[in-house]
Amino acid sequence: MQAVSIHTGCLDPHSKLEDIKGQLLSLHGKSALQRFADNIQDGGDVSGLLGDLQEAVNDYMVCL
């Protein structure tokens, strides 16, 4: 009996993390006035980044 892998390949968690880092740095680089004006949009962006971070960590754990 042979073991069959159902996992077809690993995505690169490092590149995902670098992308998340770049987006967070972009948010961090905004002026106080820009952050105030974009508060609701930025909250949605951060929420999406948290989901991306969770996915990257899960991919990393699966690919070990």
PDB file of N, CA and C in Angstrom:
ATOM      1  N   MET A   1       0.847  -1.182   0.000  1.00  0.00           N
ATOM      2  CA  MET A   1       0.000   0.000   0.000  1.00  0.00           C
ATOM      3  C   MET A   1       0.887   1.237   0.000  1.00  0.00           C
ATOM      4  N   GLN A   2       0.609   2.154  -0.921  1.00  0.00           N
ATOM      5  CA  GLN A   2       1.392   3.380  -1.019  1.00  0.00           C
ATOM      6  C   GLN A   2       0.618   4.545  -0.417  1.00  0.00           C
ATOM      7  N   ALA A   3       1.362   5.441   0.219  1.00  0.00           N
ATOM      8  CA  ALA A   3       0.756   6.668   0.727  1.00  0.00           C
ATOM      9  C   ALA A   3       0.568   7.638  -0.436  1.00  0.00           C
ATOM     10  N   VAL A   4      -0.566   8.275  -0.465  1.00  0.00           N
ATOM     11  CA  VAL A   4      -0.862   9.235  -1.527  1.00  0.00           C
ATOM     12  C   VAL A   4      -0.999  10.610  -0.905  1.00  0.00           C
ATOM     13  N   SER A   5      -0.236  11.555  -1.425  1.00  0.00           N
ATOM     14  CA  SER A   5      -0.305  12.922  -0.928  1.00  0.00           C
ATOM     15  C   SER A   5      -1.433  13.667  -1.621  1.00  0.00           C
ATOM     16  N   ILE A   6      -2.268  14.309  -0.825  1.00  0.00           N
ATOM     17  CA  ILE A   6      -3.328  15.123  -1.412  1.00  0.00           C
ATOM     18  C   ILE A   6      -2.896  16.575  -1.544  1.00  0.00           C
ATOM     19  N   HIS A   7      -1.749  16.917  -0.976  1.00  0.00           N
ATOM     20  CA  HIS A   7      -1.236  18.282  -1.053  1.00  0.00           C
ATOM     21  C   HIS A   7      -0.412  18.406  -2.326  1.00  0.00           C
ATOM     22  N   THR A   8      -0.842  19.264  -3.232  1.00  0.00           N
ATOM     23  CA  THR A   8      -0.209  19.345  -4.547  1.00  0.00           C
ATOM     24  C   THR A   8       0.989  20.278  -4.598  1.00  0.00           C
ATOM     25  N   GLY A   9       1.203  21.074  -3.607  1.00  0.00           N
ATOM     26  CA  GLY A   9       2.343  21.984  -3.614  1.00  0.00           C
ATOM     27  C   GLY A   9       2.178  23.053  -2.562  1.00  0.00           C
ATOM     28  N   CYS A  10       3.294  23.624  -2.157  1.00  0.00           N
ATOM     29  CA  CYS A  10       3.273  24.644  -1.122  1.00  0.00           C
ATOM     30  C   CYS A  10       3.469  26.018  -1.746  1.00  0.00           C
ATOM     31  N   LEU A  11       2.656  26.937  -1.328  1.00  0.00           N
ATOM     32  CA  LEU A  11       2.878  28.321  -1.707  1.00  0.00           C
ATOM     33  C   LEU A  11       3.996  28.862  -0.824  1.00  0.00           C
ATOM     34  N   ASP A  12       4.675  29.863  -1.282  1.00  0.00           N
ATOM     35  CA  ASP A  12       5.810  30.404  -0.546  1.00  0.00           C
ATOM     36  C   ASP A  12       5.327  31.349   0.553  1.00  0.00           C
ATOM     37  N   PRO A  13       5.314  30.884   1.818  1.00  0.00           N
ATOM     38  CA  PRO A  13       4.839  31.744   2.903  1.00  0.00           C
ATOM     39  C   PRO A  13       5.722  32.978   3.080  1.00  0.00           C
ATOM     40  N   HIS A  14       7.023  32.856   2.759  1.00  0.00           N
ATOM     41  CA  HIS A  14       7.920  33.999   2.922  1.00  0.00           C
ATOM     42  C   HIS A  14       7.500  35.154   2.021  1.00  0.00           C
ATOM     43  N   SER A  15       7.148  34.872   0.780  1.00  0.00           N
ATOM     44  CA  SER A  15       6.741  35.948  -0.128  1.00  0.00           C
ATOM     45  C   SER A  15       5.411  36.558   0.317  1.00  0.00           C
ATOM     46  N   LYS A  16       4.529  35.732   0.858  1.00  0.00           N
ATOM     47  CA  LYS A  16       3.270  36.259   1.389  1.00  0.00           C
ATOM     48  C   LYS A  16       3.545  37.197   2.555  1.00  0.00           C
ATOM     49  N   LEU A  17       4.457  36.788   3.428  1.00  0.00           N
ATOM     50  CA  LEU A  17       4.783  37.621   4.586  1.00  0.00           C
ATOM     51  C   LEU A  17       5.440  38.924   4.157  1.00  0.00           C
ATOM     52  N   GLU A  18       6.282  38.881   3.137  1.00  0.00           N
ATOM     53  CA  GLU A  18       6.908  40.099   2.627  1.00  0.00           C
ATOM     54  C   GLU A  18       5.855  41.041   2.049  1.00  0.00           C
ATOM     55  N   ASP A  19       4.870  40.497   1.367  1.00  0.00           N
ATOM     56  CA  ASP A  19       3.786  41.307   0.816  1.00  0.00           C
ATOM     57  C   ASP A  19       2.982  41.963   1.941  1.00  0.00           C
ATOM     58  N   ILE A  20       2.669  41.200   2.976  1.00  0.00           N
ATOM     59  CA  ILE A  20       1.940  41.730   4.133  1.00  0.00           C
ATOM     60  C   ILE A  20       2.756  42.828   4.802  1.00  0.00           C
ATOM     61  N   LYS A  21       4.051  42.594   4.948  1.00  0.00           N
ATOM     62  CA  LYS A  21       4.935  43.591   5.559  1.00  0.00           C
ATOM     63  C   LYS A  21       4.909  44.895   4.763  1.00  0.00           C
ATOM     64  N   GLY A  22       4.994  44.791   3.438  1.00  0.00           N
ATOM     65  CA  GLY A  22       4.963  45.980   2.595  1.00  0.00           C
ATOM     66  C   GLY A  22       3.668  46.759   2.745  1.00  0.00           C
ATOM     67  N   GLN A  23       2.558  46.039   2.820  1.00  0.00           N
ATOM     68  CA  GLN A  23       1.264  46.709   2.970  1.00  0.00           C
ATOM     69  C   GLN A  23       1.139  47.374   4.337  1.00  0.00           C
ATOM     70  N   LEU A  24       1.654  46.717   5.385  1.00  0.00           N
ATOM     71  CA  LEU A  24       1.619  47.322   6.717  1.00  0.00           C
ATOM     72  C   LEU A  24       2.507  48.560   6.782  1.00  0.00           C
ATOM     73  N   LEU A  25       3.679  48.499   6.152  1.00  0.00           N
ATOM     74  CA  LEU A  25       4.558  49.666   6.128  1.00  0.00           C
ATOM     75  C   LEU A  25       3.910  50.821   5.381  1.00  0.00           C
ATOM     76  N   SER A  26       3.159  50.511   4.333  1.00  0.00           N
ATOM     77  CA  SER A  26       2.441  51.542   3.594  1.00  0.00           C
ATOM     78  C   SER A  26       1.403  52.225   4.488  1.00  0.00           C
ATOM     79  N   LEU A  27       0.679  51.423   5.252  1.00  0.00           N
ATOM     80  CA  LEU A  27      -0.298  51.993   6.184  1.00  0.00           C
ATOM     81  C   LEU A  27       0.393  52.813   7.265  1.00  0.00           C
ATOM     82  N   HIS A  28       1.517  52.312   7.748  1.00  0.00           N
ATOM     83  CA  HIS A  28       2.253  52.998   8.809  1.00  0.00           C
ATOM     84  C   HIS A  28       2.829  54.334   8.329  1.00  0.00           C
ATOM     85  N   GLY A  29       3.157  54.418   7.049  1.00  0.00           N
ATOM     86  CA  GLY A  29       3.767  55.620   6.504  1.00  0.00           C
ATOM     87  C   GLY A  29       2.806  56.769   6.255  1.00  0.00           C
ATOM     88  N   LYS A  30       1.516  56.557   6.459  1.00  0.00           N
ATOM     89  CA  LYS A  30       0.545  57.628   6.240  1.00  0.00           C
ATOM     90  C   LYS A  30       0.658  58.690   7.326  1.00  0.00           C
ATOM     91  N   SER A  31       0.372  59.901   6.944  1.00  0.00           N
ATOM     92  CA  SER A  31       0.358  60.985   7.928  1.00  0.00           C
ATOM     93  C   SER A  31      -0.860  60.823   8.842  1.00  0.00           C
ATOM     94  N   ALA A  32      -0.850  61.538   9.947  1.00  0.00           N
ATOM     95  CA  ALA A  32      -1.959  61.455  10.894  1.00  0.00           C
ATOM     96  C   ALA A  32      -3.266  61.880  10.230  1.00  0.00           C
ATOM     97  N   LEU A  33      -3.217  62.898   9.383  1.00  0.00           N
ATOM     98  CA  LEU A  33      -4.422  63.357   8.699  1.00  0.00           C
ATOM     99  C   LEU A  33      -4.938  62.301   7.724  1.00  0.00           C
ATOM    100  N   GLN A  34      -4.035  61.664   7.005  1.00  0.00           N
ATOM    101  CA  GLN A  34      -4.443  60.596   6.081  1.00  0.00           C
ATOM    102  C   GLN A  34      -5.047  59.427   6.844  1.00  0.00           C
ATOM    103  N   ARG A  35      -4.432  59.061   7.973  1.00  0.00           N
ATOM    104  CA  ARG A  35      -4.964  57.952   8.769  1.00  0.00           C
ATOM    105  C   ARG A  35      -6.365  58.271   9.278  1.00  0.00           C
ATOM    106  N   PHE A  36      -6.570  59.523   9.698  1.00  0.00           N
ATOM    107  CA  PHE A  36      -7.890  59.926  10.188  1.00  0.00           C
ATOM    108  C   PHE A  36      -8.918  59.852   9.063  1.00  0.00           C
ATOM    109  N   ALA A  37      -8.560  60.356   7.892  1.00  0.00           N
ATOM    110  CA  ALA A  37      -9.486  60.384   6.762  1.00  0.00           C
ATOM    111  C   ALA A  37      -9.783  58.979   6.240  1.00  0.00           C
ATOM    112  N   ASP A  38      -8.797  58.100   6.298  1.00  0.00           N
ATOM    113  CA  ASP A  38      -8.941  56.750   5.739  1.00  0.00           C
ATOM    114  C   ASP A  38      -9.214  55.696   6.806  1.00  0.00           C
ATOM    115  N   ASN A  39      -9.645  56.106   7.970  1.00  0.00           N
ATOM    116  CA  ASN A  39      -9.777  55.213   9.120  1.00  0.00           C
ATOM    117  C   ASN A  39     -10.604  53.970   8.812  1.00  0.00           C
ATOM    118  N   ILE A  40     -11.771  54.129   8.222  1.00  0.00           N
ATOM    119  CA  ILE A  40     -12.652  52.979   7.968  1.00  0.00           C
ATOM    120  C   ILE A  40     -12.029  52.054   6.925  1.00  0.00           C
ATOM    121  N   GLN A  41     -11.509  52.625   5.840  1.00  0.00           N
ATOM    122  CA  GLN A  41     -10.864  51.817   4.799  1.00  0.00           C
ATOM    123  C   GLN A  41      -9.648  51.078   5.358  1.00  0.00           C
ATOM    124  N   ASP A  42      -8.843  51.782   6.159  1.00  0.00           N
ATOM    125  CA  ASP A  42      -7.651  51.159   6.734  1.00  0.00           C
ATOM    126  C   ASP A  42      -8.020  50.006   7.662  1.00  0.00           C
ATOM    127  N   GLY A  43      -9.114  50.157   8.402  1.00  0.00           N
ATOM    128  CA  GLY A  43      -9.571  49.077   9.268  1.00  0.00           C
ATOM    129  C   GLY A  43      -9.909  47.833   8.469  1.00  0.00           C
ATOM    130  N   GLY A  44     -10.560  48.022   7.342  1.00  0.00           N
ATOM    131  CA  GLY A  44     -10.858  46.894   6.461  1.00  0.00           C
ATOM    132  C   GLY A  44      -9.600  46.273   5.888  1.00  0.00           C
ATOM    133  N   ASP A  45      -8.638  47.140   5.528  1.00  0.00           N
ATOM    134  CA  ASP A  45      -7.370  46.640   4.988  1.00  0.00           C
ATOM    135  C   ASP A  45      -6.621  45.811   6.027  1.00  0.00           C
ATOM    136  N   VAL A  46      -6.584  46.291   7.261  1.00  0.00           N
ATOM    137  CA  VAL A  46      -5.891  45.561   8.331  1.00  0.00           C
ATOM    138  C   VAL A  46      -6.589  44.236   8.598  1.00  0.00           C
ATOM    139  N   SER A  47      -7.907  44.250   8.572  1.00  0.00           N
ATOM    140  CA  SER A  47      -8.655  43.009   8.770  1.00  0.00           C
ATOM    141  C   SER A  47      -8.299  41.995   7.679  1.00  0.00           C
ATOM    142  N   GLY A  48      -8.215  42.454   6.445  1.00  0.00           N
ATOM    143  CA  GLY A  48      -7.824  41.573   5.343  1.00  0.00           C
ATOM    144  C   GLY A  48      -6.406  41.062   5.504  1.00  0.00           C
ATOM    145  N   LEU A  49      -5.517  41.926   5.986  1.00  0.00           N
ATOM    146  CA  LEU A  49      -4.129  41.511   6.196  1.00  0.00           C
ATOM    147  C   LEU A  49      -4.018  40.460   7.299  1.00  0.00           C
ATOM    148  N   LEU A  50      -4.866  40.567   8.311  1.00  0.00           N
ATOM    149  CA  LEU A  50      -4.869  39.543   9.364  1.00  0.00           C
ATOM    150  C   LEU A  50      -5.283  38.185   8.796  1.00  0.00           C
ATOM    151  N   GLY A  51      -6.248  38.195   7.906  1.00  0.00           N
ATOM    152  CA  GLY A  51      -6.650  36.953   7.238  1.00  0.00           C
ATOM    153  C   GLY A  51      -5.520  36.401   6.381  1.00  0.00           C
ATOM    154  N   ASP A  52      -4.819  37.297   5.671  1.00  0.00           N
ATOM    155  CA  ASP A  52      -3.676  36.879   4.854  1.00  0.00           C
ATOM    156  C   ASP A  52      -2.565  36.302   5.729  1.00  0.00           C
ATOM    157  N   LEU A  53      -2.349  36.930   6.887  1.00  0.00           N
ATOM    158  CA  LEU A  53      -1.324  36.445   7.808  1.00  0.00           C
ATOM    159  C   LEU A  53      -1.674  35.053   8.325  1.00  0.00           C
ATOM    160  N   GLN A  54      -2.931  34.848   8.666  1.00  0.00           N
ATOM    161  CA  GLN A  54      -3.370  33.530   9.131  1.00  0.00           C
ATOM    162  C   GLN A  54      -3.152  32.481   8.042  1.00  0.00           C
ATOM    163  N   GLU A  55      -3.471  32.831   6.810  1.00  0.00           N
ATOM    164  CA  GLU A  55      -3.287  31.910   5.692  1.00  0.00           C
ATOM    165  C   GLU A  55      -1.812  31.582   5.477  1.00  0.00           C
ATOM    166  N   ALA A  56      -0.946  32.587   5.587  1.00  0.00           N
ATOM    167  CA  ALA A  56       0.493  32.368   5.408  1.00  0.00           C
ATOM    168  C   ALA A  56       1.043  31.450   6.503  1.00  0.00           C
ATOM    169  N   VAL A  57       0.592  31.644   7.728  1.00  0.00           N
ATOM    170  CA  VAL A  57       1.038  30.788   8.837  1.00  0.00           C
ATOM    171  C   VAL A  57       0.544  29.363   8.624  1.00  0.00           C
ATOM    172  N   ASN A  58      -0.705  29.211   8.205  1.00  0.00           N
ATOM    173  CA  ASN A  58      -1.247  27.878   7.934  1.00  0.00           C
ATOM    174  C   ASN A  58      -0.461  27.194   6.821  1.00  0.00           C
ATOM    175  N   ASP A  59      -0.154  27.920   5.743  1.00  0.00           N
ATOM    176  CA  ASP A  59       0.636  27.357   4.643  1.00  0.00           C
ATOM    177  C   ASP A  59       1.995  26.917   5.146  1.00  0.00           C
ATOM    178  N   TYR A  60       2.605  27.722   5.988  1.00  0.00           N
ATOM    179  CA  TYR A  60       3.919  27.389   6.538  1.00  0.00           C
ATOM    180  C   TYR A  60       3.837  26.100   7.353  1.00  0.00           C
ATOM    181  N   MET A  61       2.822  25.989   8.185  1.00  0.00           N
ATOM    182  CA  MET A  61       2.693  24.811   9.048  1.00  0.00           C
ATOM    183  C   MET A  61       2.441  23.549   8.220  1.00  0.00           C
ATOM    184  N   VAL A  62       1.663  23.655   7.151  1.00  0.00           N
ATOM    185  CA  VAL A  62       1.351  22.510   6.309  1.00  0.00           C
ATOM    186  C   VAL A  62       2.589  22.055   5.543  1.00  0.00           C
ATOM    187  N   CYS A  63       3.423  22.999   5.164  1.00  0.00           N
ATOM    188  CA  CYS A  63       4.574  22.689   4.307  1.00  0.00           C
ATOM    189  C   CYS A  63       5.811  22.217   5.087  1.00  0.00           C
ATOM    190  N   LEU A  64       5.728  22.197   6.394  1.00  0.00           N
ATOM    191  CA  LEU A  64       6.912  21.764   7.188  1.00  0.00           C
ATOM    192  C   LEU A  64       7.247  20.341   6.944  1.00  0.00           C
TER     193      LEU A  64
END
